[in-house]
Amino acid sequence: MTHTDLREWYLRYISALDAHEIDRMDEFVADEVLLNGEPGSRDAVTADMRSIIDAVPDFHWEVQELLVDRDRIAARVKNTGTPVEEWLGVPATGASFEVIEYAIYEVRDGRFVQMTNLHDSAEVRRQLTA
């Protein structure tokens, strides 16, 4: 994929996430994938995404910065939402959160083969209990 193609492809991935179209992840995630440096699978990725959306039905991803270098993508994404059930060990209280997620990906044959994501869970818990 060209730089522009990869950028557009990633933005389609984020759009699918934001629309909570988890069944579309086979378009974006390889069958086998490294998740934060550990062997994983697309099924593990989708299970994690479903658990997030179950707990936070209005979970929103907003790309704030996106860098593409050959087969690598780096993104800074704002995550927001209001949990309706316990999430990250915090019972739902009606409180919302906003946190920045940093993500690094490797893409091969049009799918993620490596996904690394980091956000400050302690900050999310702080916002949900404030």
N, C-alpha and C. Protein backbone atom coordinates (compact mmCIF):
# COMPACT_ATOMS: atom_id res chain seq x y z
N MET A 1 0.83 -1.19 0.00
CA MET A 1 0.00 0.00 0.00
C MET A 1 0.88 1.25 0.00
N THR A 2 0.41 2.25 -0.68
CA THR A 2 1.13 3.53 -0.64
C THR A 2 0.85 4.23 0.69
N HIS A 3 1.61 5.26 0.96
CA HIS A 3 1.43 6.06 2.17
C HIS A 3 -0.03 6.52 2.28
N THR A 4 -0.57 7.06 1.20
CA THR A 4 -1.95 7.57 1.19
C THR A 4 -2.94 6.43 1.39
N ASP A 5 -2.71 5.30 0.71
CA ASP A 5 -3.60 4.15 0.86
C ASP A 5 -3.63 3.66 2.30
N LEU A 6 -2.46 3.56 2.91
CA LEU A 6 -2.38 3.07 4.29
C LEU A 6 -3.06 4.03 5.25
N ARG A 7 -2.88 5.31 5.03
CA ARG A 7 -3.54 6.33 5.85
C ARG A 7 -5.06 6.20 5.73
N GLU A 8 -5.57 6.11 4.51
CA GLU A 8 -7.01 5.98 4.30
C GLU A 8 -7.54 4.67 4.88
N TRP A 9 -6.77 3.59 4.73
CA TRP A 9 -7.15 2.29 5.27
C TRP A 9 -7.28 2.37 6.80
N TYR A 10 -6.29 3.02 7.45
CA TYR A 10 -6.35 3.15 8.91
C TYR A 10 -7.57 3.98 9.33
N LEU A 11 -7.86 5.04 8.62
CA LEU A 11 -9.02 5.85 8.95
C LEU A 11 -10.32 5.07 8.76
N ARG A 12 -10.36 4.15 7.80
CA ARG A 12 -11.53 3.25 7.66
C ARG A 12 -11.63 2.32 8.86
N TYR A 13 -10.48 1.84 9.34
CA TYR A 13 -10.45 1.00 10.55
C TYR A 13 -11.03 1.77 11.73
N ILE A 14 -10.58 3.00 11.93
CA ILE A 14 -11.08 3.81 13.05
C ILE A 14 -12.58 4.07 12.88
N SER A 15 -13.02 4.32 11.66
CA SER A 15 -14.45 4.53 11.42
C SER A 15 -15.25 3.29 11.78
N ALA A 16 -14.73 2.11 11.43
CA ALA A 16 -15.41 0.86 11.78
C ALA A 16 -15.46 0.69 13.30
N LEU A 17 -14.35 0.99 13.98
CA LEU A 17 -14.34 0.93 15.45
C LEU A 17 -15.37 1.88 16.03
N ASP A 18 -15.34 3.11 15.55
CA ASP A 18 -16.21 4.13 16.10
C ASP A 18 -17.69 3.81 15.86
N ALA A 19 -17.98 3.11 14.76
CA ALA A 19 -19.34 2.68 14.49
C ALA A 19 -19.67 1.36 15.21
N HIS A 20 -18.68 0.85 15.95
CA HIS A 20 -18.79 -0.40 16.71
C HIS A 20 -19.10 -1.58 15.80
N GLU A 21 -18.52 -1.55 14.60
CA GLU A 21 -18.67 -2.62 13.62
C GLU A 21 -17.57 -3.65 13.81
N ILE A 22 -17.62 -4.31 14.94
CA ILE A 22 -16.56 -5.26 15.32
C ILE A 22 -16.51 -6.45 14.37
N ASP A 23 -17.63 -6.79 13.76
CA ASP A 23 -17.65 -7.90 12.81
C ASP A 23 -16.81 -7.61 11.57
N ARG A 24 -16.41 -6.37 11.37
CA ARG A 24 -15.58 -6.00 10.21
C ARG A 24 -14.09 -6.15 10.48
N MET A 25 -13.69 -6.54 11.67
CA MET A 25 -12.27 -6.58 12.01
C MET A 25 -11.48 -7.55 11.16
N ASP A 26 -12.14 -8.53 10.52
CA ASP A 26 -11.40 -9.42 9.62
C ASP A 26 -10.85 -8.66 8.42
N GLU A 27 -11.38 -7.47 8.13
CA GLU A 27 -10.84 -6.62 7.07
C GLU A 27 -9.52 -5.97 7.49
N PHE A 28 -9.28 -5.89 8.79
CA PHE A 28 -8.17 -5.08 9.29
C PHE A 28 -7.12 -5.85 10.09
N VAL A 29 -7.51 -6.94 10.72
CA VAL A 29 -6.61 -7.64 11.64
C VAL A 29 -6.32 -9.04 11.10
N ALA A 30 -5.04 -9.38 11.03
CA ALA A 30 -4.64 -10.72 10.59
C ALA A 30 -5.15 -11.78 11.57
N ASP A 31 -5.23 -13.01 11.10
CA ASP A 31 -5.67 -14.11 11.97
C ASP A 31 -4.79 -14.21 13.21
N GLU A 32 -3.47 -14.11 12.98
CA GLU A 32 -2.51 -14.13 14.08
C GLU A 32 -1.84 -12.76 14.12
N VAL A 33 -1.71 -12.21 15.33
CA VAL A 33 -1.21 -10.85 15.48
C VAL A 33 -0.44 -10.75 16.79
N LEU A 34 0.59 -9.92 16.81
CA LEU A 34 1.28 -9.63 18.07
C LEU A 34 0.52 -8.51 18.75
N LEU A 35 0.07 -8.76 19.98
CA LEU A 35 -0.68 -7.78 20.76
C LEU A 35 0.19 -7.31 21.91
N ASN A 36 0.63 -6.07 21.83
CA ASN A 36 1.54 -5.53 22.86
C ASN A 36 2.72 -6.46 23.08
N GLY A 37 3.24 -7.02 21.97
CA GLY A 37 4.44 -7.86 22.03
C GLY A 37 4.19 -9.32 22.32
N GLU A 38 2.93 -9.69 22.54
CA GLU A 38 2.60 -11.09 22.86
C GLU A 38 1.80 -11.70 21.71
N PRO A 39 2.03 -13.00 21.43
CA PRO A 39 1.24 -13.65 20.37
C PRO A 39 -0.25 -13.60 20.71
N GLY A 40 -1.05 -13.31 19.70
CA GLY A 40 -2.48 -13.23 19.89
C GLY A 40 -3.21 -13.56 18.60
N SER A 41 -4.49 -13.26 18.60
CA SER A 41 -5.32 -13.59 17.44
C SER A 41 -6.35 -12.49 17.21
N ARG A 42 -6.91 -12.53 16.01
CA ARG A 42 -7.99 -11.59 15.71
C ARG A 42 -9.15 -11.82 16.67
N ASP A 43 -9.42 -13.08 17.02
CA ASP A 43 -10.50 -13.37 17.96
C ASP A 43 -10.26 -12.69 19.31
N ALA A 44 -9.01 -12.66 19.76
CA ALA A 44 -8.69 -11.99 21.02
C ALA A 44 -8.91 -10.48 20.90
N VAL A 45 -8.53 -9.93 19.75
CA VAL A 45 -8.72 -8.49 19.52
C VAL A 45 -10.21 -8.16 19.54
N THR A 46 -11.01 -8.93 18.81
CA THR A 46 -12.44 -8.63 18.75
C THR A 46 -13.12 -8.87 20.09
N ALA A 47 -12.69 -9.88 20.84
CA ALA A 47 -13.27 -10.11 22.17
C ALA A 47 -12.99 -8.92 23.08
N ASP A 48 -11.77 -8.39 23.02
CA ASP A 48 -11.43 -7.23 23.83
C ASP A 48 -12.26 -6.02 23.42
N MET A 49 -12.38 -5.81 22.12
CA MET A 49 -13.18 -4.67 21.63
C MET A 49 -14.63 -4.81 22.06
N ARG A 50 -15.18 -6.01 21.95
CA ARG A 50 -16.58 -6.22 22.37
C ARG A 50 -16.76 -5.95 23.85
N SER A 51 -15.79 -6.37 24.67
CA SER A 51 -15.91 -6.14 26.11
C SER A 51 -15.87 -4.65 26.43
N ILE A 52 -15.06 -3.90 25.71
CA ILE A 52 -15.01 -2.45 25.91
C ILE A 52 -16.35 -1.82 25.53
N ILE A 53 -16.87 -2.18 24.37
CA ILE A 53 -18.11 -1.59 23.89
C ILE A 53 -19.30 -2.02 24.74
N ASP A 54 -19.28 -3.26 25.26
CA ASP A 54 -20.35 -3.69 26.16
C ASP A 54 -20.38 -2.80 27.41
N ALA A 55 -19.20 -2.50 27.95
CA ALA A 55 -19.12 -1.70 29.17
C ALA A 55 -19.30 -0.21 28.89
N VAL A 56 -18.87 0.23 27.70
CA VAL A 56 -18.90 1.66 27.34
C VAL A 56 -19.54 1.78 25.95
N PRO A 57 -20.87 1.69 25.87
CA PRO A 57 -21.53 1.66 24.57
C PRO A 57 -21.32 2.91 23.71
N ASP A 58 -20.96 4.02 24.33
CA ASP A 58 -20.71 5.24 23.54
C ASP A 58 -19.21 5.50 23.35
N PHE A 59 -18.39 4.44 23.51
CA PHE A 59 -16.95 4.59 23.34
C PHE A 59 -16.67 5.22 21.98
N HIS A 60 -15.83 6.24 21.98
CA HIS A 60 -15.54 7.00 20.76
C HIS A 60 -14.04 7.12 20.58
N TRP A 61 -13.58 6.89 19.34
CA TRP A 61 -12.19 7.04 18.95
C TRP A 61 -12.08 8.25 18.03
N GLU A 62 -11.17 9.17 18.34
CA GLU A 62 -10.95 10.34 17.49
C GLU A 62 -9.46 10.48 17.22
N VAL A 63 -9.06 10.28 15.98
CA VAL A 63 -7.66 10.38 15.62
C VAL A 63 -7.24 11.85 15.69
N GLN A 64 -6.20 12.11 16.47
CA GLN A 64 -5.68 13.47 16.59
C GLN A 64 -4.36 13.65 15.86
N GLU A 65 -3.62 12.57 15.71
CA GLU A 65 -2.36 12.62 15.01
C GLU A 65 -2.11 11.25 14.39
N LEU A 66 -1.63 11.23 13.16
CA LEU A 66 -1.43 9.98 12.45
C LEU A 66 -0.16 10.08 11.61
N LEU A 67 0.74 9.13 11.83
CA LEU A 67 1.99 9.07 11.08
C LEU A 67 2.10 7.71 10.40
N VAL A 68 2.52 7.72 9.15
CA VAL A 68 2.69 6.49 8.39
C VAL A 68 4.11 6.45 7.85
N ASP A 69 4.78 5.31 8.06
CA ASP A 69 6.13 5.11 7.55
C ASP A 69 6.22 3.69 7.00
N ARG A 70 6.23 3.58 5.70
CA ARG A 70 6.24 2.28 5.01
C ARG A 70 5.08 1.42 5.51
N ASP A 71 5.37 0.34 6.27
CA ASP A 71 4.32 -0.56 6.74
C ASP A 71 3.96 -0.32 8.21
N ARG A 72 4.35 0.82 8.73
CA ARG A 72 4.11 1.15 10.15
C ARG A 72 3.19 2.36 10.27
N ILE A 73 2.37 2.31 11.30
CA ILE A 73 1.45 3.41 11.60
C ILE A 73 1.62 3.76 13.07
N ALA A 74 1.66 5.04 13.36
CA ALA A 74 1.64 5.53 14.75
C ALA A 74 0.49 6.52 14.85
N ALA A 75 -0.27 6.41 15.93
CA ALA A 75 -1.43 7.29 16.08
C ALA A 75 -1.58 7.75 17.52
N ARG A 76 -2.06 8.97 17.64
CA ARG A 76 -2.51 9.51 18.93
C ARG A 76 -4.01 9.70 18.78
N VAL A 77 -4.75 9.00 19.63
CA VAL A 77 -6.20 8.94 19.49
C VAL A 77 -6.84 9.32 20.82
N LYS A 78 -7.82 10.21 20.75
CA LYS A 78 -8.58 10.56 21.96
C LYS A 78 -9.72 9.55 22.10
N ASN A 79 -9.80 8.94 23.29
CA ASN A 79 -10.86 7.99 23.62
C ASN A 79 -11.78 8.67 24.62
N THR A 80 -13.09 8.58 24.39
CA THR A 80 -14.07 9.13 25.33
C THR A 80 -15.21 8.14 25.49
N GLY A 81 -15.92 8.28 26.59
CA GLY A 81 -17.10 7.45 26.79
C GLY A 81 -17.61 7.53 28.21
N THR A 82 -18.74 6.87 28.41
CA THR A 82 -19.39 6.81 29.72
C THR A 82 -19.76 5.35 29.98
N PRO A 83 -19.06 4.67 30.88
CA PRO A 83 -19.38 3.27 31.17
C PRO A 83 -20.80 3.12 31.73
N VAL A 84 -21.46 2.03 31.32
CA VAL A 84 -22.78 1.70 31.85
C VAL A 84 -22.72 0.46 32.74
N GLU A 85 -21.54 -0.13 32.82
CA GLU A 85 -21.30 -1.25 33.73
C GLU A 85 -19.86 -1.16 34.19
N GLU A 86 -19.49 -1.99 35.15
CA GLU A 86 -18.13 -1.93 35.68
C GLU A 86 -17.12 -2.03 34.55
N TRP A 87 -16.12 -1.17 34.61
CA TRP A 87 -15.06 -1.16 33.60
C TRP A 87 -13.77 -0.73 34.27
N LEU A 88 -12.69 -1.42 34.00
CA LEU A 88 -11.37 -1.17 34.60
C LEU A 88 -11.45 -1.21 36.12
N GLY A 89 -12.36 -2.06 36.63
CA GLY A 89 -12.50 -2.23 38.07
C GLY A 89 -13.30 -1.14 38.75
N VAL A 90 -13.95 -0.27 37.98
CA VAL A 90 -14.71 0.84 38.55
C VAL A 90 -16.19 0.63 38.20
N PRO A 91 -17.07 0.62 39.21
CA PRO A 91 -18.50 0.50 38.91
C PRO A 91 -18.99 1.71 38.12
N ALA A 92 -20.00 1.50 37.30
CA ALA A 92 -20.59 2.59 36.53
C ALA A 92 -21.29 3.56 37.47
N THR A 93 -21.01 4.84 37.29
CA THR A 93 -21.61 5.88 38.15
C THR A 93 -22.25 6.99 37.32
N GLY A 94 -22.16 6.89 36.01
CA GLY A 94 -22.62 7.97 35.14
C GLY A 94 -21.50 8.93 34.77
N ALA A 95 -20.31 8.74 35.36
CA ALA A 95 -19.16 9.59 35.05
C ALA A 95 -18.58 9.19 33.69
N SER A 96 -18.05 10.18 32.99
CA SER A 96 -17.43 9.97 31.69
C SER A 96 -15.91 10.11 31.81
N PHE A 97 -15.22 9.71 30.76
CA PHE A 97 -13.76 9.84 30.73
C PHE A 97 -13.32 10.37 29.38
N GLU A 98 -12.11 10.92 29.36
CA GLU A 98 -11.41 11.32 28.15
C GLU A 98 -9.94 11.02 28.39
N VAL A 99 -9.36 10.22 27.51
CA VAL A 99 -7.97 9.82 27.68
C VAL A 99 -7.32 9.68 26.31
N ILE A 100 -6.03 9.91 26.28
CA ILE A 100 -5.28 9.75 25.03
C ILE A 100 -4.72 8.34 24.95
N GLU A 101 -4.88 7.72 23.80
CA GLU A 101 -4.33 6.41 23.50
C GLU A 101 -3.21 6.61 22.48
N TYR A 102 -2.10 5.95 22.71
CA TYR A 102 -0.99 5.94 21.75
C TYR A 102 -0.94 4.54 21.17
N ALA A 103 -0.84 4.46 19.85
CA ALA A 103 -0.86 3.16 19.20
C ALA A 103 0.20 3.09 18.11
N ILE A 104 0.80 1.91 18.00
CA ILE A 104 1.78 1.64 16.96
C ILE A 104 1.36 0.32 16.31
N TYR A 105 1.38 0.32 14.99
CA TYR A 105 0.93 -0.86 14.25
C TYR A 105 1.94 -1.21 13.16
N GLU A 106 1.95 -2.48 12.80
CA GLU A 106 2.64 -2.94 11.60
C GLU A 106 1.59 -3.61 10.72
N VAL A 107 1.61 -3.30 9.43
CA VAL A 107 0.63 -3.82 8.49
C VAL A 107 1.35 -4.65 7.44
N ARG A 108 0.81 -5.84 7.20
CA ARG A 108 1.35 -6.70 6.15
C ARG A 108 0.17 -7.30 5.39
N ASP A 109 0.25 -7.28 4.08
CA ASP A 109 -0.82 -7.83 3.23
C ASP A 109 -2.19 -7.24 3.59
N GLY A 110 -2.21 -5.96 3.92
CA GLY A 110 -3.46 -5.27 4.15
C GLY A 110 -4.12 -5.52 5.48
N ARG A 111 -3.36 -6.06 6.46
CA ARG A 111 -3.94 -6.30 7.79
C ARG A 111 -2.89 -6.06 8.85
N PHE A 112 -3.36 -5.70 10.04
CA PHE A 112 -2.45 -5.54 11.17
C PHE A 112 -1.84 -6.89 11.52
N VAL A 113 -0.51 -6.92 11.67
CA VAL A 113 0.17 -8.11 12.17
C VAL A 113 0.80 -7.81 13.53
N GLN A 114 0.83 -6.54 13.87
CA GLN A 114 1.32 -6.13 15.18
C GLN A 114 0.50 -4.91 15.63
N MET A 115 0.01 -4.97 16.88
CA MET A 115 -0.79 -3.90 17.44
C MET A 115 -0.30 -3.63 18.86
N THR A 116 0.12 -2.40 19.09
CA THR A 116 0.56 -1.99 20.42
C THR A 116 -0.23 -0.75 20.79
N ASN A 117 -0.94 -0.82 21.91
CA ASN A 117 -1.78 0.29 22.35
C ASN A 117 -1.49 0.60 23.80
N LEU A 118 -1.47 1.88 24.12
CA LEU A 118 -1.20 2.32 25.48
C LEU A 118 -2.08 3.51 25.82
N HIS A 119 -2.77 3.41 26.95
CA HIS A 119 -3.47 4.56 27.51
C HIS A 119 -3.33 4.50 29.02
N ASP A 120 -3.55 5.61 29.68
CA ASP A 120 -3.36 5.72 31.12
C ASP A 120 -4.62 5.25 31.85
N SER A 121 -4.67 3.95 32.15
CA SER A 121 -5.83 3.37 32.84
C SER A 121 -6.05 4.01 34.20
N ALA A 122 -4.98 4.37 34.89
CA ALA A 122 -5.12 5.01 36.20
C ALA A 122 -5.84 6.36 36.06
N GLU A 123 -5.54 7.08 34.99
CA GLU A 123 -6.22 8.36 34.75
C GLU A 123 -7.70 8.14 34.43
N VAL A 124 -8.01 7.10 33.67
CA VAL A 124 -9.42 6.78 33.39
C VAL A 124 -10.14 6.47 34.70
N ARG A 125 -9.53 5.63 35.55
CA ARG A 125 -10.15 5.27 36.84
C ARG A 125 -10.33 6.53 37.69
N ARG A 126 -9.35 7.43 37.68
CA ARG A 126 -9.45 8.66 38.46
C ARG A 126 -10.66 9.49 37.99
N GLN A 127 -10.80 9.63 36.68
CA GLN A 127 -11.92 10.41 36.15
C GLN A 127 -13.26 9.76 36.48
N LEU A 128 -13.32 8.44 36.46
CA LEU A 128 -14.57 7.74 36.72
C LEU A 128 -14.96 7.73 38.19
N THR A 129 -13.99 8.01 39.06
CA THR A 129 -14.30 8.02 40.51
C THR A 129 -14.26 9.41 41.10
N ALA A 130 -14.00 10.44 40.28
CA ALA A 130 -13.91 11.80 40.79
C ALA A 130 -15.27 12.34 41.21
